[in-house]
Protein backbone atom coordinates (compact mmCIF):
# COMPACT_ATOMS: atom_id res chain seq x y z
CA MET A 1 131.49 -52.47 -174.02
CA GLU A 2 134.25 -52.62 -171.40
CA PRO A 3 132.09 -54.13 -168.59
CA LEU A 4 130.78 -56.79 -170.99
CA GLN A 5 134.34 -57.62 -172.08
CA GLY A 6 135.28 -57.91 -168.41
CA VAL A 7 132.49 -60.42 -167.84
CA ILE A 8 133.58 -62.45 -170.86
CA ASP A 9 137.22 -62.45 -169.69
CA GLN A 10 136.13 -63.56 -166.22
CA GLN A 11 134.07 -66.36 -167.72
CA LYS A 12 137.10 -67.49 -169.72
CA CYS A 13 139.26 -67.43 -166.58
CA ASN A 14 136.68 -69.47 -164.68
CA THR A 15 136.51 -72.01 -167.49
CA VAL A 16 140.32 -72.34 -167.65
CA PHE A 17 140.51 -72.75 -163.86
CA GLU A 18 137.78 -75.42 -163.87
CA ASN A 19 139.54 -77.30 -166.68
CA LYS A 20 142.82 -77.28 -164.75
CA MET A 21 141.07 -78.53 -161.63
CA THR A 22 139.45 -81.31 -163.65
CA GLU A 23 142.80 -82.36 -165.12
CA ALA A 24 144.47 -82.32 -161.71
CA THR A 25 141.60 -84.33 -160.24
CA GLN A 26 141.91 -86.98 -162.96
CA ILE A 27 145.66 -87.27 -162.42
CA GLN A 28 145.24 -87.43 -158.64
CA ALA A 29 142.59 -90.14 -158.99
CA MET A 30 144.88 -92.23 -161.20
CA LEU A 31 147.79 -91.89 -158.75
CA GLU A 32 145.61 -92.92 -155.82
CA ARG A 33 144.11 -95.80 -157.76
CA ASN A 34 147.56 -97.11 -158.66
CA GLN A 35 148.95 -96.24 -155.21
CA VAL A 36 151.76 -94.29 -156.85
CA VAL A 37 153.69 -91.30 -155.47
CA PRO A 38 154.30 -88.62 -158.13
CA VAL A 39 157.84 -87.27 -158.56
CA ILE A 40 159.57 -84.81 -160.87
CA VAL A 41 163.27 -84.25 -161.50
CA LEU A 42 163.55 -80.48 -161.83
CA ALA A 43 166.62 -79.10 -163.60
CA ARG A 44 167.99 -77.37 -166.68
CA SER A 45 169.79 -79.09 -169.54
CA ARG A 46 173.34 -80.41 -169.09
CA THR A 47 173.21 -80.83 -165.32
CA GLY A 48 173.38 -84.62 -165.24
CA SER A 49 169.65 -85.28 -165.42
CA ASN A 50 170.10 -88.23 -167.79
CA LEU A 51 172.50 -89.81 -165.30
CA LEU A 52 170.15 -89.25 -162.37
CA VAL A 53 167.13 -90.60 -164.25
CA SER A 54 169.14 -93.67 -165.28
CA LEU A 55 170.13 -94.32 -161.67
CA LEU A 56 166.56 -93.85 -160.45
CA ASN A 57 165.22 -96.25 -163.07
CA SER A 58 167.64 -98.94 -161.95
CA HIS A 59 165.34 -99.34 -158.93
CA PRO A 60 162.45 -101.75 -159.64
CA GLN A 61 159.91 -99.59 -157.78
CA ILE A 62 160.74 -96.35 -159.60
CA ARG A 63 159.78 -95.28 -163.10
CA VAL A 64 160.98 -91.83 -164.19
CA ARG A 65 160.49 -90.85 -167.80
CA GLY A 66 162.39 -88.28 -169.83
CA GLU A 67 161.28 -84.83 -170.98
CA LYS A 68 157.60 -85.63 -171.40
CA CYS A 69 156.62 -81.96 -171.34
CA SER A 70 159.41 -80.58 -173.50
CA ARG A 71 156.89 -79.94 -176.28
CA LEU A 72 153.14 -80.46 -176.12
CA ALA A 73 152.72 -80.54 -179.92
CA GLY A 74 149.09 -79.52 -179.63
CA ARG A 75 148.22 -81.92 -176.82
CA GLU A 76 146.62 -80.84 -173.55
CA VAL A 77 148.94 -80.65 -170.55
CA GLY A 78 146.64 -82.89 -168.52
CA GLU A 79 146.76 -85.59 -171.19
CA VAL A 80 150.56 -85.53 -171.23
CA LEU A 81 150.77 -85.65 -167.43
CA LEU A 82 148.37 -88.59 -167.23
CA GLU A 83 150.77 -90.45 -169.49
CA ALA A 84 153.86 -89.24 -167.63
CA PHE A 85 152.63 -90.41 -164.23
CA SER A 86 151.07 -93.66 -165.44
CA THR A 87 152.56 -97.10 -164.88
CA ARG A 88 151.60 -100.57 -166.01
CA SER A 89 153.67 -102.43 -163.46
CA PRO A 90 152.13 -103.10 -160.04
CA ARG A 91 155.67 -103.05 -158.62
CA VAL A 92 156.17 -99.37 -159.37
CA ARG A 93 155.47 -97.11 -156.40
CA ILE A 94 157.19 -93.92 -157.60
CA ALA A 95 156.39 -92.52 -161.05
CA GLY A 96 157.15 -89.29 -162.84
CA PHE A 97 159.39 -87.53 -165.31
CA LYS A 98 162.12 -84.92 -165.62
CA VAL A 99 161.18 -81.37 -166.44
CA PHE A 100 163.26 -78.29 -167.19
CA TYR A 101 162.41 -74.84 -165.83
CA TYR A 102 161.48 -73.60 -169.30
CA HIS A 103 159.17 -76.42 -170.35
CA PRO A 104 157.00 -76.66 -172.37
CA ASN A 105 158.97 -74.98 -175.15
CA ASP A 106 155.86 -74.54 -177.29
CA ASP A 107 153.46 -73.24 -174.62
CA SER A 108 153.92 -70.00 -172.69
CA SER A 109 151.06 -70.62 -170.27
CA GLU A 110 151.66 -71.75 -166.69
CA THR A 111 149.21 -74.65 -166.88
CA LEU A 112 151.89 -77.32 -166.41
CA TRP A 113 153.23 -75.75 -163.24
CA GLN A 114 149.80 -75.00 -161.82
CA ILE A 115 148.70 -78.60 -162.22
CA LEU A 116 151.93 -79.89 -160.65
CA LEU A 117 151.50 -77.57 -157.68
CA GLY A 118 147.98 -78.92 -157.23
CA LEU A 119 149.06 -82.56 -156.98
CA SER A 120 148.88 -83.93 -153.47
CA GLY A 121 152.00 -85.82 -152.40
CA LEU A 122 154.20 -84.56 -155.25
CA LYS A 123 157.91 -84.97 -154.49
CA VAL A 124 160.55 -82.82 -156.18
CA ILE A 125 164.18 -83.78 -156.83
CA HIS A 126 165.95 -80.53 -157.67
CA LEU A 127 169.17 -81.14 -159.57
CA LYS A 128 171.73 -78.39 -160.13
CA ARG A 129 175.34 -78.15 -161.20
CA GLU A 130 177.68 -76.16 -158.97
CA ASN A 131 179.90 -75.08 -161.85
CA ILE A 132 177.54 -73.38 -164.28
CA LEU A 133 180.41 -72.78 -166.71
CA LYS A 134 180.71 -76.53 -167.22
CA THR A 135 176.97 -76.67 -167.87
CA LEU A 136 177.25 -74.03 -170.59
CA VAL A 137 180.30 -75.73 -172.12
CA SER A 138 178.55 -79.09 -172.08
CA ARG A 139 175.47 -77.68 -173.74
CA LYS A 140 177.46 -75.96 -176.48
CA ILE A 141 179.42 -79.12 -177.24
CA ALA A 142 176.24 -81.21 -177.29
CA SER A 143 174.59 -78.74 -179.66
CA VAL A 144 177.56 -78.79 -182.02
CA GLU A 145 177.87 -82.55 -181.97
CA ASP A 146 174.15 -83.29 -181.53
CA VAL A 147 175.16 -85.75 -178.80
CA TRP A 148 173.07 -85.68 -175.63
CA LYS A 149 173.91 -89.08 -174.15
CA ASN A 150 176.99 -91.29 -174.20
CA LYS A 151 176.38 -94.99 -173.71
CA GLY A 152 178.97 -96.91 -175.62
CA GLU A 153 182.20 -95.16 -176.55
CA SER A 154 185.15 -95.01 -174.21
CA GLN A 155 186.19 -91.74 -172.60
CA GLN A 156 189.36 -91.74 -174.70
CA GLU A 157 187.37 -92.08 -177.93
CA ARG A 158 184.99 -89.29 -176.92
CA SER A 159 187.88 -87.04 -175.81
CA GLN A 160 189.54 -87.31 -179.21
CA GLU A 161 186.34 -86.34 -181.02
CA LEU A 162 185.05 -83.44 -178.92
CA PRO A 163 185.47 -79.98 -180.48
CA THR A 164 186.68 -76.82 -178.82
CA VAL A 165 184.31 -73.90 -178.23
CA ARG A 166 184.42 -70.12 -177.79
CA PHE A 167 182.26 -67.80 -175.70
CA SER A 168 181.84 -64.06 -175.56
CA GLU A 169 181.90 -62.44 -172.13
CA LYS A 170 178.24 -61.44 -172.51
CA GLU A 171 177.23 -64.94 -173.56
CA LEU A 172 178.66 -66.39 -170.37
CA ALA A 173 177.37 -63.60 -168.11
CA ASP A 174 173.86 -64.07 -169.50
CA GLY A 175 174.13 -67.85 -169.14
CA PHE A 176 175.29 -67.63 -165.53
CA ALA A 177 172.54 -65.19 -164.56
CA GLN A 178 169.77 -67.06 -166.39
CA THR A 179 170.69 -70.40 -164.85
CA ARG A 180 170.80 -68.93 -161.33
CA ALA A 181 167.45 -67.20 -161.92
CA TRP A 182 165.90 -70.50 -163.03
CA GLU A 183 167.23 -72.29 -159.96
CA ASN A 184 165.84 -69.64 -157.62
CA TRP A 185 162.50 -69.71 -159.43
CA GLY A 186 162.26 -73.48 -159.00
CA GLU A 187 163.07 -73.30 -155.31
CA GLU A 188 160.44 -70.64 -154.71
CA LEU A 189 157.78 -72.37 -156.81
CA PHE A 190 158.03 -75.66 -154.92
CA GLN A 191 158.88 -74.25 -151.50
CA HIS A 192 155.85 -75.98 -149.95
CA GLN A 193 156.43 -79.38 -151.61
CA PRO A 194 158.79 -82.06 -150.24
CA THR A 195 162.05 -81.33 -152.07
CA PHE A 196 165.44 -83.02 -152.20
CA SER A 197 168.21 -80.86 -153.67
CA LEU A 198 171.48 -82.27 -154.97
CA THR A 199 174.27 -81.30 -157.33
CA TYR A 200 175.78 -83.10 -160.28
CA GLU A 201 179.17 -82.88 -158.57
CA ASP A 202 177.88 -84.72 -155.49
CA LEU A 203 176.14 -87.27 -157.68
CA VAL A 204 179.42 -88.07 -159.46
CA GLN A 205 181.76 -87.89 -156.47
CA GLN A 206 179.47 -89.43 -153.82
CA ARG A 207 177.09 -91.46 -155.93
CA ARG A 208 176.45 -94.25 -153.42
CA GLU A 209 175.71 -91.88 -150.54
CA MET A 210 173.61 -89.47 -152.59
CA MET A 211 171.45 -92.15 -154.18
CA SER A 212 170.91 -93.76 -150.78
CA ARG A 213 169.59 -90.41 -149.55
CA VAL A 214 167.43 -89.99 -152.65
CA PHE A 215 165.87 -93.43 -152.14
CA ALA A 216 165.19 -92.59 -148.48
CA PHE A 217 163.52 -89.34 -149.58
CA LEU A 218 161.31 -91.29 -152.00
CA GLY A 219 160.48 -93.90 -149.37
CA VAL A 220 161.92 -96.98 -151.07
CA ASP A 221 164.64 -99.40 -150.00
CA ASP A 222 168.20 -98.79 -151.13
CA LEU A 223 168.93 -101.65 -153.52
CA GLY A 224 172.02 -100.12 -155.12
CA THR A 225 172.22 -98.51 -158.56
CA GLU A 226 173.66 -99.07 -162.00
CA THR A 227 173.86 -97.14 -165.25
CA VAL A 228 175.40 -97.44 -168.71
CA LEU A 229 175.82 -93.70 -169.11
CA GLU A 230 179.30 -92.21 -169.06
CA LYS A 231 180.68 -88.70 -168.76
CA GLN A 232 180.95 -87.20 -172.25
CA ASN A 233 183.77 -84.72 -171.74
CA THR A 234 186.83 -85.54 -169.63
CA ARG A 235 189.00 -82.62 -170.68
CA SER A 236 189.72 -79.58 -168.52
CA LEU A 237 188.00 -76.28 -169.24
CA HIS A 238 191.12 -74.59 -170.55
CA GLU A 239 191.49 -77.43 -173.08
CA VAL A 240 187.92 -77.06 -174.31
CA ILE A 241 187.41 -73.28 -174.25
CA GLU A 242 189.61 -71.62 -176.86
CA ASN A 243 189.57 -68.20 -175.14
CA TYR A 244 189.65 -69.56 -171.58
CA GLU A 245 192.36 -67.22 -170.24
CA GLU A 246 190.65 -64.17 -171.72
CA LEU A 247 187.35 -65.11 -170.05
CA ARG A 248 188.92 -66.02 -166.73
CA SER A 249 190.54 -62.60 -166.61
CA ALA A 250 187.27 -60.88 -167.50
CA PHE A 251 185.38 -62.58 -164.67
CA THR A 252 188.10 -62.26 -161.99
CA GLU A 253 186.19 -59.68 -159.95
CA SER A 254 182.72 -61.15 -160.57
CA PRO A 255 180.58 -63.55 -158.49
CA TRP A 256 181.24 -66.15 -161.19
CA SER A 257 185.04 -66.21 -160.83
CA ARG A 258 184.99 -69.52 -158.92
CA PHE A 259 183.73 -71.30 -162.02
CA PHE A 260 187.16 -70.81 -163.61
CA SER A 261 189.11 -72.72 -160.92
CA ASP A 262 189.82 -75.51 -163.38
């Protein structure tokens, strides 16, 4: 029975591979037909991806969607990607979406990543945040408040409403290590694709220069940028983290100590 099972498993593998190739071929054909360059913004949550996508979409030749592959909800990956890379405007020359290292959340297969790797001409914008502690704080606050974007309220209004948070030493250590592992995984996965890496800190502090370089990487003219998004938390870490001093002391001799230079 074992040899027969092996044949069946091989047949299944061949079928899956052929289906992936068919999906990739369909997506590639659509991109070539529309003369569109595919792009993804690769990141994890709370690294400024909403800000970057907003700035990219302020360019008339760029269309970057949100987390199209966050959940497939029973749909085929190829179907979702066809939608993610599609465009109805003849002006658009760069099309894509943002994707987190752990997407899709409801599919443990590697189909998404295999199809992306098979796309000719795919460009990757890899966004990170230098201070991972601020990423973890931002995510915890957003989860508590269920606020993932800030478009209208002033910084003073937001500052008065934001709660304080607490972390255990293990919670932070795991968060630091997991985020770094994701970043390294992304770099290795797309090591043969054209990639532009930037940090949230550079995007905030040197927005004009960084976006000019991003546009050059994508092959479009620099027409300037605009966005309605604002920073959600303007308080220092020791104001937001209730047990900040305790944690800073615990991580003094660790590789993560620099994250506490608030």
